[in-house]
C-alpha atoms as a PDB file:
ATOM      1  CA  UNK A   1       0.000   0.000   0.000  1.00  0.00           C
ATOM      2  CA  UNK A   2       2.677   2.469   0.963  1.00  0.00           C
ATOM      3  CA  UNK A   3       5.861   2.327  -1.005  1.00  0.00           C
ATOM      4  CA  UNK A   4       8.775   4.719  -1.109  1.00  0.00           C
ATOM      5  CA  UNK A   5      10.776   5.568  -4.087  1.00  0.00           C
ATOM      6  CA  UNK A   6      14.551   5.871  -3.593  1.00  0.00           C
ATOM      7  CA  UNK A   7      14.467   9.507  -4.750  1.00  0.00           C
ATOM      8  CA  UNK A   8      11.735  10.329  -2.240  1.00  0.00           C
ATOM      9  CA  UNK A   9      13.593   8.852   0.770  1.00  0.00           C
ATOM     10  CA  UNK A  10      15.796  11.893   1.172  1.00  0.00           C
ATOM     11  CA  UNK A  11      14.913  15.497   0.674  1.00  0.00           C
ATOM     12  CA  UNK A  12      18.492  16.466  -0.127  1.00  0.00           C
ATOM     13  CA  UNK A  13      19.137  17.979  -3.532  1.00  0.00           C
ATOM     14  CA  UNK A  14      21.390  16.150  -5.894  1.00  0.00           C
ATOM     15  CA  UNK A  15      24.931  17.583  -6.041  1.00  0.00           C
ATOM     16  CA  UNK A  16      25.486  19.924  -8.948  1.00  0.00           C
ATOM     17  CA  UNK A  17      28.573  20.963 -10.804  1.00  0.00           C
ATOM     18  CA  UNK A  18      28.536  24.332  -8.942  1.00  0.00           C
ATOM     19  CA  UNK A  19      29.075  22.581  -5.569  1.00  0.00           C
ATOM     20  CA  UNK A  20      32.877  23.062  -5.418  1.00  0.00           C
ATOM     21  CA  UNK A  21      32.412  26.839  -5.386  1.00  0.00           C
ATOM     22  CA  UNK A  22      29.879  26.546  -2.568  1.00  0.00           C
ATOM     23  CA  UNK A  23      32.236  24.240  -0.659  1.00  0.00           C
ATOM     24  CA  UNK A  24      34.994  26.837  -1.011  1.00  0.00           C
ATOM     25  CA  UNK A  25      32.707  29.533   0.384  1.00  0.00           C
ATOM     26  CA  UNK A  26      31.693  27.304   3.303  1.00  0.00           C
ATOM     27  CA  UNK A  27      35.358  26.419   3.924  1.00  0.00           C
ATOM     28  CA  UNK A  28      36.361  30.083   3.982  1.00  0.00           C
ATOM     29  CA  UNK A  29      33.540  30.878   6.386  1.00  0.00           C
ATOM     30  CA  UNK A  30      34.666  28.103   8.744  1.00  0.00           C
ATOM     31  CA  UNK A  31      38.320  29.214   8.834  1.00  0.00           C
ATOM     32  CA  UNK A  32      39.218  31.381  11.804  1.00  0.00           C
ATOM     33  CA  UNK A  33      39.266  35.018  10.783  1.00  0.00           C
ATOM     34  CA  UNK A  34      42.185  37.255  11.597  1.00  0.00           C
ATOM     35  CA  UNK A  35      41.814  38.072  15.250  1.00  0.00           C
ATOM     36  CA  UNK A  36      41.231  41.640  16.293  1.00  0.00           C
ATOM     37  CA  UNK A  37      43.032  42.899  19.373  1.00  0.00           C
ATOM     38  CA  UNK A  38      41.358  42.307  22.712  1.00  0.00           C
ATOM     39  CA  UNK A  39      40.778  45.645  24.402  1.00  0.00           C
ATOM     40  CA  UNK A  40      40.863  46.545  28.072  1.00  0.00           C
ATOM     41  CA  UNK A  41      39.034  49.872  28.022  1.00  0.00           C
ATOM     42  CA  UNK A  42      39.964  52.965  30.028  1.00  0.00           C
ATOM     43  CA  UNK A  43      37.070  52.382  32.462  1.00  0.00           C
ATOM     44  CA  UNK A  44      38.236  48.841  33.339  1.00  0.00           C
ATOM     45  CA  UNK A  45      40.458  47.718  36.198  1.00  0.00           C
ATOM     46  CA  UNK A  46      41.717  44.150  36.390  1.00  0.00           C
ATOM     47  CA  UNK A  47      43.257  42.638  39.522  1.00  0.00           C
ATOM     48  CA  UNK A  48      45.157  39.547  38.411  1.00  0.00           C
ATOM     49  CA  UNK A  49      47.153  38.263  35.492  1.00  0.00           C
ATOM     50  CA  UNK A  50      45.997  38.636  31.891  1.00  0.00           C
ATOM     51  CA  UNK A  51      46.977  36.077  29.243  1.00  0.00           C
ATOM     52  CA  UNK A  52      46.058  36.339  25.563  1.00  0.00           C
ATOM     53  CA  UNK A  53      47.149  34.305  22.560  1.00  0.00           C
ATOM     54  CA  UNK A  54      46.620  37.299  20.281  1.00  0.00           C
ATOM     55  CA  UNK A  55      47.057  41.049  20.352  1.00  0.00           C
ATOM     56  CA  UNK A  56      46.069  43.077  23.402  1.00  0.00           C
ATOM     57  CA  UNK A  57      45.302  46.801  23.716  1.00  0.00           C
ATOM     58  CA  UNK A  58      45.345  48.086  27.302  1.00  0.00           C
ATOM     59  CA  UNK A  59      43.809  51.475  27.998  1.00  0.00           C
ATOM     60  CA  UNK A  60      42.689  50.636  31.532  1.00  0.00           C
ATOM     61  CA  UNK A  61      44.468  49.480  34.687  1.00  0.00           C
ATOM     62  CA  UNK A  62      45.941  45.996  35.186  1.00  0.00           C
ATOM     63  CA  UNK A  63      47.349  45.025  38.565  1.00  0.00           C
ATOM     64  CA  UNK A  64      49.122  41.807  37.593  1.00  0.00           C
ATOM     65  CA  UNK A  65      51.299  40.231  34.919  1.00  0.00           C
ATOM     66  CA  UNK A  66      50.308  40.575  31.260  1.00  0.00           C
ATOM     67  CA  UNK A  67      51.271  38.052  28.570  1.00  0.00           C
ATOM     68  CA  UNK A  68      50.241  38.201  24.905  1.00  0.00           C
ATOM     69  CA  UNK A  69      51.650  38.066  21.388  1.00  0.00           C
ATOM     70  CA  UNK A  70      51.481  41.818  20.798  1.00  0.00           C
ATOM     71  CA  UNK A  71      50.765  44.302  23.594  1.00  0.00           C
ATOM     72  CA  UNK A  72      50.005  47.999  23.219  1.00  0.00           C
ATOM     73  CA  UNK A  73      49.623  50.101  26.362  1.00  0.00           C
ATOM     74  CA  UNK A  74      47.601  53.164  25.430  1.00  0.00           C
ATOM     75  CA  UNK A  75      48.152  56.648  26.876  1.00  0.00           C
ATOM     76  CA  UNK A  76      45.632  55.980  29.667  1.00  0.00           C
ATOM     77  CA  UNK A  77      46.905  52.427  30.287  1.00  0.00           C
ATOM     78  CA  UNK A  78      48.683  51.490  33.526  1.00  0.00           C
ATOM     79  CA  UNK A  79      50.207  48.114  34.381  1.00  0.00           C
ATOM     80  CA  UNK A  80      51.735  47.031  37.668  1.00  0.00           C
ATOM     81  CA  UNK A  81      53.507  43.741  36.959  1.00  0.00           C
ATOM     82  CA  UNK A  82      55.578  41.953  34.321  1.00  0.00           C
ATOM     83  CA  UNK A  83      54.733  42.553  30.663  1.00  0.00           C
ATOM     84  CA  UNK A  84      55.764  39.730  28.313  1.00  0.00           C
ATOM     85  CA  UNK A  85      55.187  39.604  24.542  1.00  0.00           C
ATOM     86  CA  UNK A  86      56.801  39.415  21.125  1.00  0.00           C
ATOM     87  CA  UNK A  87      56.158  43.161  20.643  1.00  0.00           C
ATOM     88  CA  UNK A  88      55.428  45.715  23.373  1.00  0.00           C
ATOM     89  CA  UNK A  89      54.466  49.304  22.512  1.00  0.00           C
ATOM     90  CA  UNK A  90      54.131  51.648  25.480  1.00  0.00           C
ATOM     91  CA  UNK A  91      52.353  55.009  25.435  1.00  0.00           C
ATOM     92  CA  UNK A  92      51.095  54.757  29.029  1.00  0.00           C
ATOM     93  CA  UNK A  93      52.706  53.621  32.285  1.00  0.00           C
ATOM     94  CA  UNK A  94      54.300  50.384  33.453  1.00  0.00           C
ATOM     95  CA  UNK A  95      55.614  49.683  36.923  1.00  0.00           C
ATOM     96  CA  UNK A  96      57.380  46.372  36.440  1.00  0.00           C
ATOM     97  CA  UNK A  97      59.632  44.530  34.029  1.00  0.00           C
ATOM     98  CA  UNK A  98      59.197  44.153  30.275  1.00  0.00           C
ATOM     99  CA  UNK A  99      60.361  41.049  28.381  1.00  0.00           C
ATOM    100  CA  UNK A 100      59.916  41.271  24.623  1.00  0.00           C
ATOM    101  CA  UNK A 101      61.699  40.781  21.345  1.00  0.00           C
ATOM    102  CA  UNK A 102      60.777  44.330  20.292  1.00  0.00           C
ATOM    103  CA  UNK A 103      60.100  47.126  22.794  1.00  0.00           C
ATOM    104  CA  UNK A 104      58.980  50.611  21.767  1.00  0.00           C
ATOM    105  CA  UNK A 105      58.666  53.360  24.367  1.00  0.00           C
ATOM    106  CA  UNK A 106      56.705  56.067  22.615  1.00  0.00           C
ATOM    107  CA  UNK A 107      56.491  59.727  23.521  1.00  0.00           C
ATOM    108  CA  UNK A 108      54.656  60.089  26.845  1.00  0.00           C
ATOM    109  CA  UNK A 109      55.509  56.561  28.043  1.00  0.00           C
ATOM    110  CA  UNK A 110      56.654  56.097  31.645  1.00  0.00           C
ATOM    111  CA  UNK A 111      58.344  52.811  32.552  1.00  0.00           C
ATOM    112  CA  UNK A 112      59.780  52.064  35.974  1.00  0.00           C
ATOM    113  CA  UNK A 113      61.364  48.613  35.812  1.00  0.00           C
ATOM    114  CA  UNK A 114      63.850  46.500  33.922  1.00  0.00           C
ATOM    115  CA  UNK A 115      63.651  45.763  30.191  1.00  0.00           C
ATOM    116  CA  UNK A 116      64.979  42.576  28.583  1.00  0.00           C
ATOM    117  CA  UNK A 117      64.794  42.881  24.797  1.00  0.00           C
ATOM    118  CA  UNK A 118      66.195  41.942  21.411  1.00  0.00           C
ATOM    119  CA  UNK A 119      65.308  45.361  19.958  1.00  0.00           C
ATOM    120  CA  UNK A 120      64.638  48.597  21.885  1.00  0.00           C
ATOM    121  CA  UNK A 121      63.420  51.972  20.678  1.00  0.00           C
ATOM    122  CA  UNK A 122      62.923  54.950  23.008  1.00  0.00           C
ATOM    123  CA  UNK A 123      61.346  58.081  21.555  1.00  0.00           C
ATOM    124  CA  UNK A 124      61.861  61.561  22.899  1.00  0.00           C
ATOM    125  CA  UNK A 125      59.779  62.518  25.953  1.00  0.00           C
ATOM    126  CA  UNK A 126      59.550  58.880  27.071  1.00  0.00           C
ATOM    127  CA  UNK A 127      60.620  58.290  30.685  1.00  0.00           C
ATOM    128  CA  UNK A 128      62.477  55.112  31.632  1.00  0.00           C
ATOM    129  CA  UNK A 129      63.914  54.221  35.051  1.00  0.00           C
ATOM    130  CA  UNK A 130      65.560  50.833  35.328  1.00  0.00           C
ATOM    131  CA  UNK A 131      68.096  48.538  33.748  1.00  0.00           C
ATOM    132  CA  UNK A 132      68.224  47.374  30.165  1.00  0.00           C
ATOM    133  CA  UNK A 133      69.547  44.008  29.034  1.00  0.00           C
ATOM    134  CA  UNK A 134      69.847  42.778  25.474  1.00  0.00           C
ATOM    135  CA  UNK A 135      69.045  39.101  24.879  1.00  0.00           C
ATOM    136  CA  UNK A 136      68.766  37.139  21.656  1.00  0.00           C
ATOM    137  CA  UNK A 137      65.679  35.387  23.029  1.00  0.00           C
ATOM    138  CA  UNK A 138      64.265  37.548  25.843  1.00  0.00           C
ATOM    139  CA  UNK A 139      61.141  35.391  26.190  1.00  0.00           C
ATOM    140  CA  UNK A 140      63.200  32.282  26.933  1.00  0.00           C
ATOM    141  CA  UNK A 141      64.880  33.521  30.106  1.00  0.00           C
ATOM    142  CA  UNK A 142      62.873  33.496  33.314  1.00  0.00           C
ATOM    143  CA  UNK A 143      64.440  36.486  35.005  1.00  0.00           C
ATOM    144  CA  UNK A 144      67.262  38.972  34.875  1.00  0.00           C
ATOM    145  CA  UNK A 145      70.560  37.487  35.906  1.00  0.00           C
ATOM    146  CA  UNK A 146      73.195  39.290  37.933  1.00  0.00           C
ATOM    147  CA  UNK A 147      76.587  40.114  36.476  1.00  0.00           C
ATOM    148  CA  UNK A 148      78.418  37.837  38.923  1.00  0.00           C
ATOM    149  CA  UNK A 149      77.515  34.289  39.973  1.00  0.00           C
ATOM    150  CA  UNK A 150      77.480  35.040  43.690  1.00  0.00           C
ATOM    151  CA  UNK A 151      78.440  38.260  45.435  1.00  0.00           C
ATOM    152  CA  UNK A 152      78.635  36.485  48.803  1.00  0.00           C
ATOM    153  CA  UNK A 153      81.280  34.065  47.527  1.00  0.00           C
ATOM    154  CA  UNK A 154      83.355  36.896  46.086  1.00  0.00           C
ATOM    155  CA  UNK A 155      83.457  38.854  49.314  1.00  0.00           C
ATOM    156  CA  UNK A 156      84.509  35.738  51.228  1.00  0.00           C
ATOM    157  CA  UNK A 157      87.497  35.099  48.964  1.00  0.00           C
ATOM    158  CA  UNK A 158      90.895  35.783  50.497  1.00  0.00           C
ATOM    159  CA  UNK A 159      92.736  38.966  49.602  1.00  0.00           C
ATOM    160  CA  UNK A 160      95.213  38.432  46.801  1.00  0.00           C
ATOM    161  CA  UNK A 161      93.243  35.464  45.482  1.00  0.00           C
ATOM    162  CA  UNK A 162      93.953  35.192  41.788  1.00  0.00           C
ATOM    163  CA  UNK A 163      90.487  33.822  40.917  1.00  0.00           C
ATOM    164  CA  UNK A 164      88.297  35.488  38.340  1.00  0.00           C
ATOM    165  CA  UNK A 165      86.475  37.570  40.963  1.00  0.00           C
ATOM    166  CA  UNK A 166      89.567  39.528  42.046  1.00  0.00           C
ATOM    167  CA  UNK A 167      90.334  41.008  38.603  1.00  0.00           C
ATOM    168  CA  UNK A 168      93.976  41.452  39.678  1.00  0.00           C
ATOM    169  CA  UNK A 169      93.112  44.063  42.319  1.00  0.00           C
ATOM    170  CA  UNK A 170      94.741  43.663  45.681  1.00  0.00           C
ATOM    171  CA  UNK A 171      93.868  45.686  48.780  1.00  0.00           C
ATOM    172  CA  UNK A 172      96.792  44.507  50.875  1.00  0.00           C
ATOM    173  CA  UNK A 173      99.965  46.570  51.079  1.00  0.00           C
ATOM    174  CA  UNK A 174     102.953  44.470  50.097  1.00  0.00           C
END
């Protein structure tokens, strides 16, 4: 009494020769689009660390470490903590260290802390208080290292010791 025809079993249209173009459009729509920068607006304050896999624009206040691929601190931005990225552009204020392959302190920037970089640019009217260290891979190191292995060991060495810490300077009168 009731019979189904094979063509009536599914309501899907038969594939046409124009399908590859439609598949390309669907494929392009499913690919992740270029990410826009995440923005921390001027009216925001964050207590805690911020981590982003993309670009980050900070116009507000962050009390904690900030890690991203590309970080821009706007003129109203203020960070208290370590800033770590491939590229860091500062127009605002940072109280803490910066670790980046490329660091740009733009006019009006105020940084109080150490900078470990592969490339550094400081424009006029930028304020920087701290130490600068060049590193081929600044993101690899975990922290700034002192110039000497151990200051306590050097001060305990006997006078006239010819080790590398004495540098040939003797305080004894001979």
